[in-house]
C-alpha cells in the first residue's frame, strides 16, 4: 500500500530505520533523525494505514479473570471510526478537551483512537482520583466532555457545568443524565475526518502526580508523543507481530507509552491485564498462555515478582524485559537473570518526554546504569553550581537540538515552563553521572540529594544496597536531622514476607549495609514502616 496520508512516508522511514538497527546502537544513534512533519494524525496517518496493510494482526488483547477480548487492527480501526462518528454527533469537536477516566477495558482504546481522529485533546485520568482531584482537572483542563465508567459517575455529581457526560458499561437504570456508550453501536460505521491535523496541535494534557505542589499540566502535541515514542519502541526492542505486555494503570503517561504508541508504531499487539488486583500468578500465566515476547513493569512489580516463584513461568516466547518509572535495583536484575536468563533493561524518561536514556537490545547492560542516550536524544549533565556540562550533573536536553519527544510545555503555567526551559536546556530535575563509555547512572532528584558531614549523599545508592538484603522488600532513605553531622541517612524499610520488625532484624540490616557502604554513607537510623506512595505508585 502506498503511503498517501500526510506524514506517513516520513514516519515509516524513521520507524523502519530503528527496526533494522534494533541491536546496532551505534548505527541507530548516528543514522536516526526525527521525521519532519507539518501535518500528522496518528490514528488516521498510521493506525488506519497499518489496519489496511495487516487487517488480521492482533492490535489489542485485554485479559481479565472473566474474559479474554482480542481486536485486530482492522476491527479496532472500524470500531474507532464508529465511536468517532457518535462522539461527533454529541458535539465533540477539534480542539475540545475530553477527560478520559477508564480502567483497562476495550473502550479506553476505542475512545483514544476516536478522539485522535476528531482532533480533540485527551486528558487521561486515573480511576483512583477523588472528586476534589477531578474538580481541579475539569477546571484547569477546561474540560468539555467526560468519559468514565458507570461506577465512577458519582465522582462527578458535584460538578456544575454543561460538560457532555458519557458512561461506559452502564445499564438502562444506571448513570441518569449521562449518555450511554452502548449508543455508539448504532452510529454510522464510516467516519470522514474534517479539517487538517497540524503537527503542533495539542493531543494530550497530563496532570503530573506531584507530592508537595499542585500537579503540573504537561502538554503534548500530535507528534511529541505519537512520533516521539519511536525512541520508546527502540528501547523496548519491539518488532512487527510481537506481543507486548506492560503493567501500568490508565491515566499515567507510561500507559500511553507501552500500551498504545510503542506497540502500535511497531505493528505489534498491546496485551493488557485488566484484573481487579495485580497478581504475580496471573502475570506468569499470561506470559506463557499469550505468547508474550516483551514485558515492561515498574520496579515495584519487579520487586514483587522476584519474591514469587519465577521458575514456574513458561518464558519460551519471552525475548525482552524492561523496567521504567523509577531506577531498578541491581540485585533485582540479577535475580531475574538467574531465573530466566534474561537481563531486565532499565530506562529513563518522564511524563514530559519519551524514553531519553536506556539499555538497548543487544547491548551490554551496566548494572546500576540507566543506559545511554537514545537515538534522537542528546543528553547534557549540567553542574548544579557552575551550569557547565560535564560528567556529573542534572540531566538536561539541549534545546538547540530539541528532541521531538519533548513536551510543548506546561499549559497555562508560564513560570514553571520558563523554569524548566531555561539557559538553553530543558531541565529534568534528576541528577546523574556518565562514564567514559556513555553509560548514565541515576543519582537522585535535585531536591533529594543531601549532605552529611559535608559529603553528598544519593538516597538511591543507599536504597540499592538495602534492597539487596533478603529481609528488605522496599526501602526509602531520607536525611534525618543531626546536631553534629547536619543530617544522617535514615532508612524506612518495608519488610519482605516472613520477617518480623524486631531489633534482631534491624541489627542484621545495619550489619549488612555497614559492610557495603563507605563510612560517610552508612545508614544511622532505621524505621520499619509502610512506604507512602504517590497516586501513580512511586515512593
Protein backbone atom coordinates (compact mmCIF):
# COMPACT_ATOMS: atom_id res chain seq x y z
CA UNK A 1 0.00 0.00 0.00
CA UNK A 2 1.34 3.46 -0.85
CA UNK A 3 1.79 5.99 1.89
CA UNK A 4 -0.74 8.52 0.62
CA UNK A 5 -1.62 10.02 4.01
CA UNK A 6 0.31 13.17 5.03
CA UNK A 7 3.39 12.34 7.03
CA UNK A 8 3.04 8.55 6.75
CA UNK A 9 6.05 8.02 4.49
CA UNK A 10 8.40 10.09 6.65
CA UNK A 11 7.20 8.41 9.80
CA UNK A 12 7.54 4.94 8.26
CA UNK A 13 11.09 5.64 7.13
CA UNK A 14 12.13 6.70 10.64
CA UNK A 15 10.45 3.65 12.17
CA UNK A 16 11.98 1.22 9.67
CA UNK A 17 15.47 2.57 10.33
CA UNK A 18 15.07 1.84 14.03
CA UNK A 19 13.69 -1.63 13.31
CA UNK A 20 16.64 -2.53 11.07
CA UNK A 21 19.18 -1.21 13.59
CA UNK A 22 17.39 -2.71 16.62
CA UNK A 23 20.57 -4.30 18.01
CA UNK A 24 23.09 -1.89 16.49
CA UNK A 25 23.07 1.06 18.86
CA UNK A 26 25.86 2.99 17.15
CA UNK A 27 24.19 2.76 13.74
CA UNK A 28 20.83 3.80 15.13
CA UNK A 29 22.34 6.71 17.06
CA UNK A 30 24.29 8.05 14.08
CA UNK A 31 21.70 7.47 11.34
CA UNK A 32 18.39 8.29 13.02
CA UNK A 33 16.76 11.69 12.79
CA UNK A 34 13.27 12.75 13.76
CA UNK A 35 10.87 12.95 10.80
CA UNK A 36 9.93 16.48 9.83
CA UNK A 37 6.16 16.70 9.91
CA UNK A 38 3.82 19.64 9.41
CA UNK A 39 0.62 17.58 9.45
CA UNK A 40 0.12 14.29 11.29
CA UNK A 41 -2.67 12.33 12.90
CA UNK A 42 -1.50 9.05 14.43
CA UNK A 43 -4.90 7.37 14.17
CA UNK A 44 -5.50 8.34 10.54
CA UNK A 45 -1.97 8.53 9.17
CA UNK A 46 -0.59 5.45 10.87
CA UNK A 47 -3.02 3.17 12.71
CA UNK A 48 -5.58 3.05 9.91
CA UNK A 49 -2.81 2.59 7.35
CA UNK A 50 -1.49 -0.41 9.30
CA UNK A 51 -5.04 -1.73 9.62
CA UNK A 52 -5.31 -1.79 5.83
CA UNK A 53 -1.92 -3.50 5.49
CA UNK A 54 -2.27 -6.09 8.26
CA UNK A 55 -6.01 -6.27 8.98
CA UNK A 56 -5.97 -9.58 10.83
CA UNK A 57 -2.98 -8.86 13.09
CA UNK A 58 -3.96 -8.50 16.74
CA UNK A 59 -3.73 -4.89 17.90
CA UNK A 60 -5.18 -5.22 21.40
CA UNK A 61 -5.83 -8.03 23.86
CA UNK A 62 -7.39 -7.37 27.26
CA UNK A 63 -7.25 -10.30 29.67
CA UNK A 64 -9.26 -10.41 32.91
CA UNK A 65 -10.39 -13.05 35.39
CA UNK A 66 -13.62 -13.44 33.41
CA UNK A 67 -12.87 -12.57 29.79
CA UNK A 68 -10.29 -12.54 27.01
CA UNK A 69 -11.06 -9.85 24.41
CA UNK A 70 -8.98 -9.54 21.26
CA UNK A 71 -9.31 -6.97 18.50
CA UNK A 72 -7.42 -6.94 15.23
CA UNK A 73 -6.06 -3.77 13.68
CA UNK A 74 -8.96 -3.76 11.21
CA UNK A 75 -11.57 -4.30 13.93
CA UNK A 76 -10.18 -1.54 16.13
CA UNK A 77 -9.88 0.86 13.20
CA UNK A 78 -13.52 0.23 12.26
CA UNK A 79 -14.78 0.49 15.83
CA UNK A 80 -12.91 3.75 16.46
CA UNK A 81 -14.50 5.15 13.28
CA UNK A 82 -17.92 4.32 14.68
CA UNK A 83 -17.12 5.83 18.10
CA UNK A 84 -15.73 8.96 16.43
CA UNK A 85 -18.94 9.36 14.41
CA UNK A 86 -21.01 9.02 17.59
CA UNK A 87 -18.88 11.46 19.58
CA UNK A 88 -19.10 13.99 16.78
CA UNK A 89 -22.88 13.67 16.97
CA UNK A 90 -22.68 14.53 20.67
CA UNK A 91 -20.77 17.69 19.89
CA UNK A 92 -17.14 16.63 20.33
CA UNK A 93 -15.07 18.85 18.03
CA UNK A 94 -11.49 19.53 17.10
CA UNK A 95 -9.62 21.11 19.99
CA UNK A 96 -12.22 20.18 22.62
CA UNK A 97 -10.83 18.85 25.92
CA UNK A 98 -12.04 15.35 26.75
CA UNK A 99 -11.34 13.87 30.18
CA UNK A 100 -10.91 10.10 29.80
CA UNK A 101 -11.17 8.10 33.03
CA UNK A 102 -11.45 4.40 32.22
CA UNK A 103 -9.76 1.29 33.53
CA UNK A 104 -8.07 -1.30 31.35
CA UNK A 105 -11.17 -2.05 29.28
CA UNK A 106 -11.52 -2.12 25.49
CA UNK A 107 -13.49 1.18 25.21
CA UNK A 108 -10.41 3.01 26.52
CA UNK A 109 -8.50 2.28 23.31
CA UNK A 110 -11.56 2.84 21.13
CA UNK A 111 -12.05 6.33 22.57
CA UNK A 112 -8.33 7.18 22.36
CA UNK A 113 -8.30 6.47 18.62
CA UNK A 114 -11.68 8.13 18.08
CA UNK A 115 -10.57 11.30 19.89
CA UNK A 116 -7.42 11.41 17.76
CA UNK A 117 -9.50 11.11 14.58
CA UNK A 118 -11.67 14.00 15.73
CA UNK A 119 -8.68 16.14 16.68
CA UNK A 120 -9.87 16.57 20.26
CA UNK A 121 -7.48 16.84 23.21
CA UNK A 122 -7.35 13.92 25.64
CA UNK A 123 -6.86 14.43 29.38
CA UNK A 124 -6.08 10.97 30.81
CA UNK A 125 -7.24 10.43 34.39
CA UNK A 126 -6.67 7.59 36.84
CA UNK A 127 -9.75 5.84 38.23
CA UNK A 128 -8.17 6.35 41.69
CA UNK A 129 -8.78 10.08 41.58
CA UNK A 130 -11.09 11.60 44.17
CA UNK A 131 -13.89 14.09 43.46
CA UNK A 132 -11.71 17.02 44.57
CA UNK A 133 -8.93 15.88 42.19
CA UNK A 134 -11.42 15.76 39.34
CA UNK A 135 -12.75 19.21 40.17
CA UNK A 136 -9.23 20.58 39.67
CA UNK A 137 -8.73 18.70 36.42
CA UNK A 138 -12.04 19.72 34.95
CA UNK A 139 -11.47 23.37 35.85
CA UNK A 140 -7.80 23.74 34.92
CA UNK A 141 -8.18 21.45 31.94
CA UNK A 142 -11.19 23.40 30.62
CA UNK A 143 -12.90 20.04 30.11
CA UNK A 144 -15.93 19.97 27.80
CA UNK A 145 -16.52 16.21 27.65
CA UNK A 146 -16.17 13.42 30.24
CA UNK A 147 -15.93 9.69 29.53
CA UNK A 148 -15.88 7.32 32.51
CA UNK A 149 -17.30 4.05 33.75
CA UNK A 150 -20.73 3.97 35.36
CA UNK A 151 -19.21 3.08 38.75
CA UNK A 152 -17.37 6.41 38.77
CA UNK A 153 -20.12 8.78 37.66
CA UNK A 154 -20.88 9.79 41.27
CA UNK A 155 -17.43 11.37 41.46
CA UNK A 156 -18.64 14.00 39.01
CA UNK A 157 -22.06 14.60 40.60
CA UNK A 158 -20.93 17.78 42.36
CA UNK A 159 -19.68 19.46 39.19
CA UNK A 160 -21.56 22.36 37.73
CA UNK A 161 -21.30 22.96 34.02
CA UNK A 162 -22.63 21.68 30.76
CA UNK A 163 -19.99 19.06 30.01
CA UNK A 164 -21.03 16.17 27.80
CA UNK A 165 -21.05 13.14 30.11
CA UNK A 166 -20.61 9.63 28.77
CA UNK A 167 -20.90 6.50 30.92
CA UNK A 168 -19.29 3.24 29.81
CA UNK A 169 -20.65 -0.16 30.92
CA UNK A 170 -23.86 1.47 32.13
CA UNK A 171 -27.16 -0.36 32.12
CA UNK A 172 -30.51 1.31 31.44
CA UNK A 173 -31.10 2.26 35.10
CA UNK A 174 -27.55 3.50 35.78
CA UNK A 175 -25.99 6.93 35.37
CA UNK A 176 -29.13 9.06 34.89
CA UNK A 177 -28.37 12.15 32.88
CA UNK A 178 -25.39 10.51 31.21
CA UNK A 179 -25.10 9.28 27.63
CA UNK A 180 -24.53 5.55 27.43
CA UNK A 181 -21.50 4.36 25.49
CA UNK A 182 -23.51 1.46 24.07
CA UNK A 183 -25.39 4.03 21.96
CA UNK A 184 -22.29 4.19 19.77
CA UNK A 185 -23.23 0.74 18.43
CA UNK A 186 -25.87 2.33 16.20
CA UNK A 187 -23.66 5.18 14.95
CA UNK A 188 -22.54 5.37 11.30
CA UNK A 189 -19.70 2.94 10.63
CA UNK A 190 -17.88 5.27 8.24
CA UNK A 191 -16.04 8.29 9.58
CA UNK A 192 -14.84 11.18 7.43
CA UNK A 193 -12.37 13.49 9.15
CA UNK A 194 -12.90 17.23 8.99
CA UNK A 195 -10.07 19.71 8.69
CA UNK A 196 -6.32 19.25 8.93
CA UNK A 197 -4.42 17.94 11.95
CA UNK A 198 -1.33 20.08 12.33
CA UNK A 199 1.73 18.52 13.94
CA UNK A 200 1.78 21.30 16.53
CA UNK A 201 -1.86 20.84 17.57
CA UNK A 202 -2.31 19.64 21.16
CA UNK A 203 -3.20 15.97 21.66
CA UNK A 204 -2.61 15.14 25.33
CA UNK A 205 -2.71 17.03 28.61
CA UNK A 206 -1.22 15.11 31.54
CA UNK A 207 -1.55 16.13 35.16
CA UNK A 208 1.64 15.01 36.87
CA UNK A 209 1.41 13.31 40.27
CA UNK A 210 3.07 15.93 42.45
CA UNK A 211 3.55 15.23 46.17
CA UNK A 212 4.21 18.72 47.50
CA UNK A 213 2.80 21.06 44.86
CA UNK A 214 -0.18 21.42 42.59
CA UNK A 215 0.15 18.94 39.70
CA UNK A 216 1.69 20.38 36.54
CA UNK A 217 -0.32 20.23 33.32
CA UNK A 218 2.01 18.73 30.71
CA UNK A 219 1.03 19.39 27.09
CA UNK A 220 1.98 17.05 24.26
CA UNK A 221 1.31 17.61 20.60
CA UNK A 222 0.10 15.41 17.78
CA UNK A 223 3.73 14.38 17.20
CA UNK A 224 5.60 14.74 20.50
CA UNK A 225 4.08 11.53 21.92
CA UNK A 226 2.80 9.57 18.90
CA UNK A 227 6.02 10.09 16.92
CA UNK A 228 8.33 10.76 19.86
CA UNK A 229 7.75 7.22 21.09
CA UNK A 230 9.90 5.92 18.27
CA UNK A 231 12.61 6.09 20.94
CA UNK A 232 10.48 4.00 23.32
CA UNK A 233 9.77 1.40 20.65
CA UNK A 234 13.52 1.14 20.02
CA UNK A 235 14.31 0.71 23.72
CA UNK A 236 11.61 -1.93 24.18
CA UNK A 237 13.05 -3.85 21.23
CA UNK A 238 9.65 -4.34 19.59
CA UNK A 239 9.17 -5.98 16.20
CA UNK A 240 6.07 -6.29 13.98
CA UNK A 241 3.79 -9.05 15.23
CA UNK A 242 5.21 -9.02 18.77
CA UNK A 243 3.04 -9.36 21.87
CA UNK A 244 3.99 -6.66 24.35
CA UNK A 245 2.77 -6.84 27.95
CA UNK A 246 3.07 -3.68 30.02
CA UNK A 247 1.99 -3.40 33.65
CA UNK A 248 0.57 0.09 34.05
CA UNK A 249 -2.64 1.79 35.06
CA UNK A 250 -4.53 4.10 32.69
CA UNK A 251 -4.25 7.79 33.37
CA UNK A 252 -0.46 7.85 33.59
CA UNK A 253 1.97 8.60 30.79
CA UNK A 254 3.63 5.17 30.93
CA UNK A 255 0.32 3.58 29.97
CA UNK A 256 0.30 5.55 26.71
CA UNK A 257 3.98 4.78 26.14
CA UNK A 258 3.71 0.99 26.23
CA UNK A 259 0.01 0.21 25.87
CA UNK A 260 -0.71 2.49 22.93
CA UNK A 261 2.04 4.18 20.98
CA UNK A 262 5.18 1.99 21.11
CA UNK A 263 3.49 -1.34 20.21
CA UNK A 264 1.29 0.22 17.53
CA UNK A 265 4.25 2.05 15.99
CA UNK A 266 5.91 -1.36 15.59
CA UNK A 267 2.77 -3.09 14.34
CA UNK A 268 2.68 -5.28 17.44
CA UNK A 269 -0.08 -6.26 19.87
CA UNK A 270 -0.65 -4.49 23.19
CA UNK A 271 -1.53 -7.10 25.82
CA UNK A 272 -3.14 -5.72 28.96
CA UNK A 273 -4.10 -7.37 32.24
CA UNK A 274 -7.43 -5.97 33.33
CA UNK A 275 -7.61 -7.88 36.61
CA UNK A 276 -9.09 -6.05 39.58
CA UNK A 277 -5.90 -6.60 41.59
CA UNK A 278 -2.39 -7.25 40.33
CA UNK A 279 -1.25 -10.84 40.86
CA UNK A 280 2.20 -12.29 40.05
CA UNK A 281 0.49 -15.62 39.34
CA UNK A 282 -1.82 -14.03 36.75
CA UNK A 283 1.16 -12.31 35.12
CA UNK A 284 3.15 -15.54 34.97
CA UNK A 285 0.19 -17.36 33.42
CA UNK A 286 -0.30 -14.64 30.80
CA UNK A 287 3.35 -14.70 29.73
CA UNK A 288 3.07 -18.36 28.79
CA UNK A 289 -0.52 -18.60 27.54
CA UNK A 290 -0.45 -15.41 25.43
CA UNK A 291 2.98 -15.85 23.86
CA UNK A 292 4.40 -12.66 25.37
CA UNK A 293 7.58 -11.53 23.62
CA UNK A 294 8.35 -8.43 25.73
CA UNK A 295 7.48 -7.43 29.27
CA UNK A 296 7.65 -3.97 30.82
CA UNK A 297 6.92 -3.41 34.51
CA UNK A 298 7.75 -0.77 37.12
CA UNK A 299 10.36 -1.57 39.80
CA UNK A 300 7.64 -2.14 42.41
CA UNK A 301 6.26 -5.01 40.33
CA UNK A 302 9.69 -6.47 39.61
CA UNK A 303 10.39 -6.50 43.36
CA UNK A 304 7.14 -8.40 43.87
CA UNK A 305 7.98 -10.88 41.11
CA UNK A 306 11.40 -11.82 42.50
CA UNK A 307 9.72 -12.73 45.79
CA UNK A 308 7.46 -15.16 43.90
CA UNK A 309 8.50 -18.35 42.13
CA UNK A 310 9.95 -17.10 38.84
CA UNK A 311 10.82 -20.64 37.78
CA UNK A 312 7.15 -21.62 37.34
CA UNK A 313 6.76 -19.34 34.32
CA UNK A 314 6.75 -20.53 30.71
CA UNK A 315 9.10 -17.98 29.15
CA UNK A 316 9.67 -19.79 25.86
CA UNK A 317 8.33 -16.81 23.88
CA UNK A 318 9.81 -14.08 26.08
CA UNK A 319 12.66 -12.13 24.47
CA UNK A 320 12.84 -8.72 26.20
CA UNK A 321 12.30 -7.49 29.77
CA UNK A 322 12.49 -3.83 30.75
CA UNK A 323 11.76 -1.58 33.72
CA UNK A 324 10.89 2.09 33.95
CA UNK A 325 9.26 4.55 36.33
CA UNK A 326 11.98 4.52 38.97
CA UNK A 327 15.55 3.16 38.87
CA UNK A 328 15.64 -0.62 39.24
CA UNK A 329 17.97 -2.02 41.87
CA UNK A 330 20.83 -4.19 40.51
CA UNK A 331 20.02 -7.08 42.87
CA UNK A 332 16.55 -7.44 41.32
CA UNK A 333 18.07 -7.54 37.83
CA UNK A 334 20.42 -10.30 38.97
CA UNK A 335 17.61 -12.39 40.46
CA UNK A 336 15.62 -12.27 37.21
CA UNK A 337 18.72 -13.08 35.20
CA UNK A 338 19.43 -16.16 37.33
CA UNK A 339 15.86 -17.43 36.99
CA UNK A 340 15.06 -16.56 33.36
CA UNK A 341 18.45 -15.99 31.71
CA UNK A 342 17.08 -12.62 30.57
CA UNK A 343 18.53 -9.30 31.68
CA UNK A 344 16.00 -6.66 32.69
CA UNK A 345 17.00 -3.49 30.87
CA UNK A 346 16.47 -0.23 32.73
CA UNK A 347 15.41 3.01 31.06
CA UNK A 348 14.63 6.61 31.88
CA UNK A 349 12.02 9.07 30.70
CA UNK A 350 9.40 11.41 32.09
CA UNK A 351 5.81 12.46 31.53
CA UNK A 352 7.39 15.47 29.83
CA UNK A 353 9.33 13.30 27.37
CA UNK A 354 9.51 9.88 25.81
CA UNK A 355 12.34 7.44 26.63
CA UNK A 356 15.52 9.54 26.79
CA UNK A 357 18.04 7.06 28.18
CA UNK A 358 18.05 3.28 28.09
CA UNK A 359 19.91 -0.01 27.99
CA UNK A 360 19.02 -1.06 24.46
CA UNK A 361 18.61 -4.54 22.92
CA UNK A 362 21.74 -6.44 22.06
CA UNK A 363 24.00 -4.15 24.11
CA UNK A 364 25.80 -4.94 27.32
CA UNK A 365 23.90 -3.84 30.43
CA UNK A 366 25.85 -1.98 33.09
CA UNK A 367 24.22 -2.95 36.37
CA UNK A 368 23.11 0.19 38.17
CA UNK A 369 23.15 2.25 34.99
CA UNK A 370 20.08 3.53 33.14
CA UNK A 371 21.95 3.06 29.84
CA UNK A 372 22.92 5.53 27.16
CA UNK A 373 21.09 8.37 25.44
CA UNK A 374 18.55 7.07 22.92
CA UNK A 375 18.51 7.77 19.18
CA UNK A 376 17.05 11.24 18.68
CA UNK A 377 18.13 12.43 22.12
CA UNK A 378 21.22 14.31 23.23
CA UNK A 379 21.75 14.43 26.99
CA UNK A 380 23.88 17.00 28.81
CA UNK A 381 24.76 16.67 32.50
CA UNK A 382 24.79 20.23 33.83
CA UNK A 383 26.61 21.01 37.08
CA UNK A 384 24.20 22.42 39.65
CA UNK A 385 26.67 25.09 40.79
CA UNK A 386 28.58 26.13 37.65
CA UNK A 387 25.90 25.46 34.99
CA UNK A 388 28.61 23.79 32.91
CA UNK A 389 28.02 20.46 31.17
CA UNK A 390 30.26 17.67 32.38
CA UNK A 391 30.28 14.06 33.52
CA UNK A 392 28.00 14.62 36.51
CA UNK A 393 25.06 16.92 37.00
CA UNK A 394 21.40 17.47 36.21
CA UNK A 395 20.04 15.56 33.23
CA UNK A 396 19.24 18.23 30.63
CA UNK A 397 18.23 18.26 26.97
CA UNK A 398 19.80 20.99 24.79
CA UNK A 399 17.00 23.00 23.18
CA UNK A 400 19.21 23.82 20.21
CA UNK A 401 18.75 20.16 19.24
CA UNK A 402 15.26 19.84 20.68
CA UNK A 403 14.04 16.22 20.55
CA UNK A 404 10.60 15.63 19.04
CA UNK A 405 9.54 13.71 22.14
CA UNK A 406 9.82 16.75 24.42
CA UNK A 407 6.57 18.32 25.63
CA UNK A 408 5.31 21.61 24.22
CA UNK A 409 5.39 22.99 27.77
CA UNK A 410 3.37 23.36 30.95
CA UNK A 411 -0.08 24.52 29.95
CA UNK A 412 -1.21 27.84 31.45
CA UNK A 413 1.85 27.98 33.73
CA UNK A 414 4.47 30.22 32.07
CA UNK A 415 6.61 30.49 35.20
CA UNK A 416 7.05 26.72 35.52
CA UNK A 417 7.60 26.40 31.79
CA UNK A 418 10.28 29.10 31.85
CA UNK A 419 11.99 27.47 34.84
CA UNK A 420 12.11 24.12 33.05
CA UNK A 421 13.28 25.60 29.71
CA UNK A 422 15.96 27.97 30.98
CA UNK A 423 19.51 28.71 29.82
CA UNK A 424 19.12 26.78 26.58
CA UNK A 425 18.16 23.46 28.23
CA UNK A 426 15.14 21.51 29.29
CA UNK A 427 15.86 20.66 32.93
CA UNK A 428 14.59 17.27 34.16
CA UNK A 429 15.29 17.81 37.87
CA UNK A 430 17.19 14.49 38.01
CA UNK A 431 20.92 14.15 38.71
CA UNK A 432 23.18 11.52 37.12
CA UNK A 433 26.77 10.69 36.24
CA UNK A 434 28.21 9.41 32.95
CA UNK A 435 31.16 7.06 32.48
CA UNK A 436 33.71 7.00 29.66
CA UNK A 437 31.52 4.67 27.57
CA UNK A 438 28.49 6.92 27.76
CA UNK A 439 26.51 4.92 30.33
CA UNK A 440 24.47 7.17 32.61
CA UNK A 441 23.81 6.32 36.27
CA UNK A 442 20.98 7.89 38.24
CA UNK A 443 21.95 9.63 41.48
CA UNK A 444 18.69 11.21 42.59
CA UNK A 445 16.40 14.20 42.29
CA UNK A 446 17.98 17.62 42.58
CA UNK A 447 15.88 18.11 45.70
CA UNK A 448 16.55 14.58 47.10
CA UNK A 449 20.34 14.76 47.37
CA UNK A 450 21.55 15.87 50.78
CA UNK A 451 24.77 16.44 52.68
CA UNK A 452 26.00 14.60 55.77
CA UNK A 453 29.26 15.87 57.32
CA UNK A 454 29.79 17.79 54.06
CA UNK A 455 29.56 14.59 51.98
CA UNK A 456 26.89 14.47 49.29
CA UNK A 457 24.53 11.52 49.74
CA UNK A 458 22.46 9.91 46.98
CA UNK A 459 19.44 8.17 48.56
CA UNK A 460 19.15 5.82 45.60
CA UNK A 461 22.66 4.41 46.11
CA UNK A 462 21.84 3.54 49.70
CA UNK A 463 18.41 2.15 48.80
CA UNK A 464 20.05 -0.13 46.23
CA UNK A 465 22.23 -1.68 48.94
CA UNK A 466 19.30 -2.05 51.34
CA UNK A 467 17.15 -3.84 48.78
CA UNK A 468 19.86 -6.47 48.36
CA UNK A 469 19.20 -7.73 51.89
CA UNK A 470 16.80 -10.66 51.93
CA UNK A 471 14.63 -9.09 54.64
CA UNK A 472 14.00 -5.88 52.68
CA UNK A 473 11.16 -5.68 50.17
CA UNK A 474 11.32 -1.91 49.61
CA UNK A 475 13.28 0.95 51.12
CA UNK A 476 13.41 4.73 51.14
CA UNK A 477 16.31 6.80 52.51
CA UNK A 478 15.89 10.39 53.70
CA UNK A 479 18.03 12.88 55.64
CA UNK A 480 17.38 12.84 59.37
CA UNK A 481 18.46 15.97 61.30
CA UNK A 482 21.60 15.52 63.38
CA UNK A 483 23.28 18.17 65.57
CA UNK A 484 26.80 17.05 64.70
CA UNK A 485 26.62 15.98 61.05
CA UNK A 486 23.76 18.31 59.97
CA UNK A 487 21.95 15.21 58.69
CA UNK A 488 22.40 11.45 58.69
CA UNK A 489 20.83 8.83 56.40
CA UNK A 490 17.67 7.29 57.80
CA UNK A 491 16.03 4.28 56.15
CA UNK A 492 12.35 3.45 56.08
CA UNK A 493 12.03 -0.25 55.36
CA UNK A 494 9.13 -2.41 54.22
CA UNK A 495 9.98 -5.98 55.24
CA UNK A 496 9.70 -8.99 52.95
CA UNK A 497 7.22 -11.71 53.79
CA UNK A 498 8.34 -13.85 56.72
CA UNK A 499 10.41 -11.22 58.52
CA UNK A 500 9.48 -9.53 61.78
CA UNK A 501 10.15 -5.85 62.66
CA UNK A 502 12.49 -6.71 65.53
CA UNK A 503 15.77 -5.45 66.95
CA UNK A 504 17.45 -8.58 65.55
CA UNK A 505 16.21 -7.82 62.03
CA UNK A 506 17.35 -4.20 62.31
CA UNK A 507 20.80 -5.29 63.51
CA UNK A 508 21.13 -7.70 60.59
CA UNK A 509 20.27 -4.93 58.11
CA UNK A 510 22.65 -2.45 59.78
CA UNK A 511 25.47 -5.02 59.72
CA UNK A 512 24.84 -5.83 56.07
CA UNK A 513 24.87 -2.20 54.92
CA UNK A 514 27.90 -1.34 57.07
CA UNK A 515 29.91 -3.92 55.14
CA UNK A 516 28.89 -2.47 51.77
CA UNK A 517 28.83 1.29 52.24
CA UNK A 518 31.55 3.84 52.80
CA UNK A 519 31.67 5.25 56.35
CA UNK A 520 30.13 8.59 55.33
CA UNK A 521 27.25 6.74 53.60
CA UNK A 522 26.32 4.50 56.49
CA UNK A 523 22.68 4.33 57.44
CA UNK A 524 22.46 5.59 61.01
CA UNK A 525 18.76 5.21 61.71
CA UNK A 526 16.14 2.71 60.61
CA UNK A 527 12.38 2.50 60.91
CA UNK A 528 10.08 -0.31 59.79
CA UNK A 529 7.07 1.17 58.00
CA UNK A 530 4.68 1.01 55.10
CA UNK A 531 6.12 3.33 52.48
CA UNK A 532 3.94 6.26 51.41
CA UNK A 533 3.46 6.46 47.66
CA UNK A 534 2.07 8.89 45.14
CA UNK A 535 -1.16 8.04 43.37
CA UNK A 536 0.95 6.77 40.46
CA UNK A 537 2.70 4.25 42.73
CA UNK A 538 6.06 5.95 43.23
CA UNK A 539 7.63 6.02 46.69
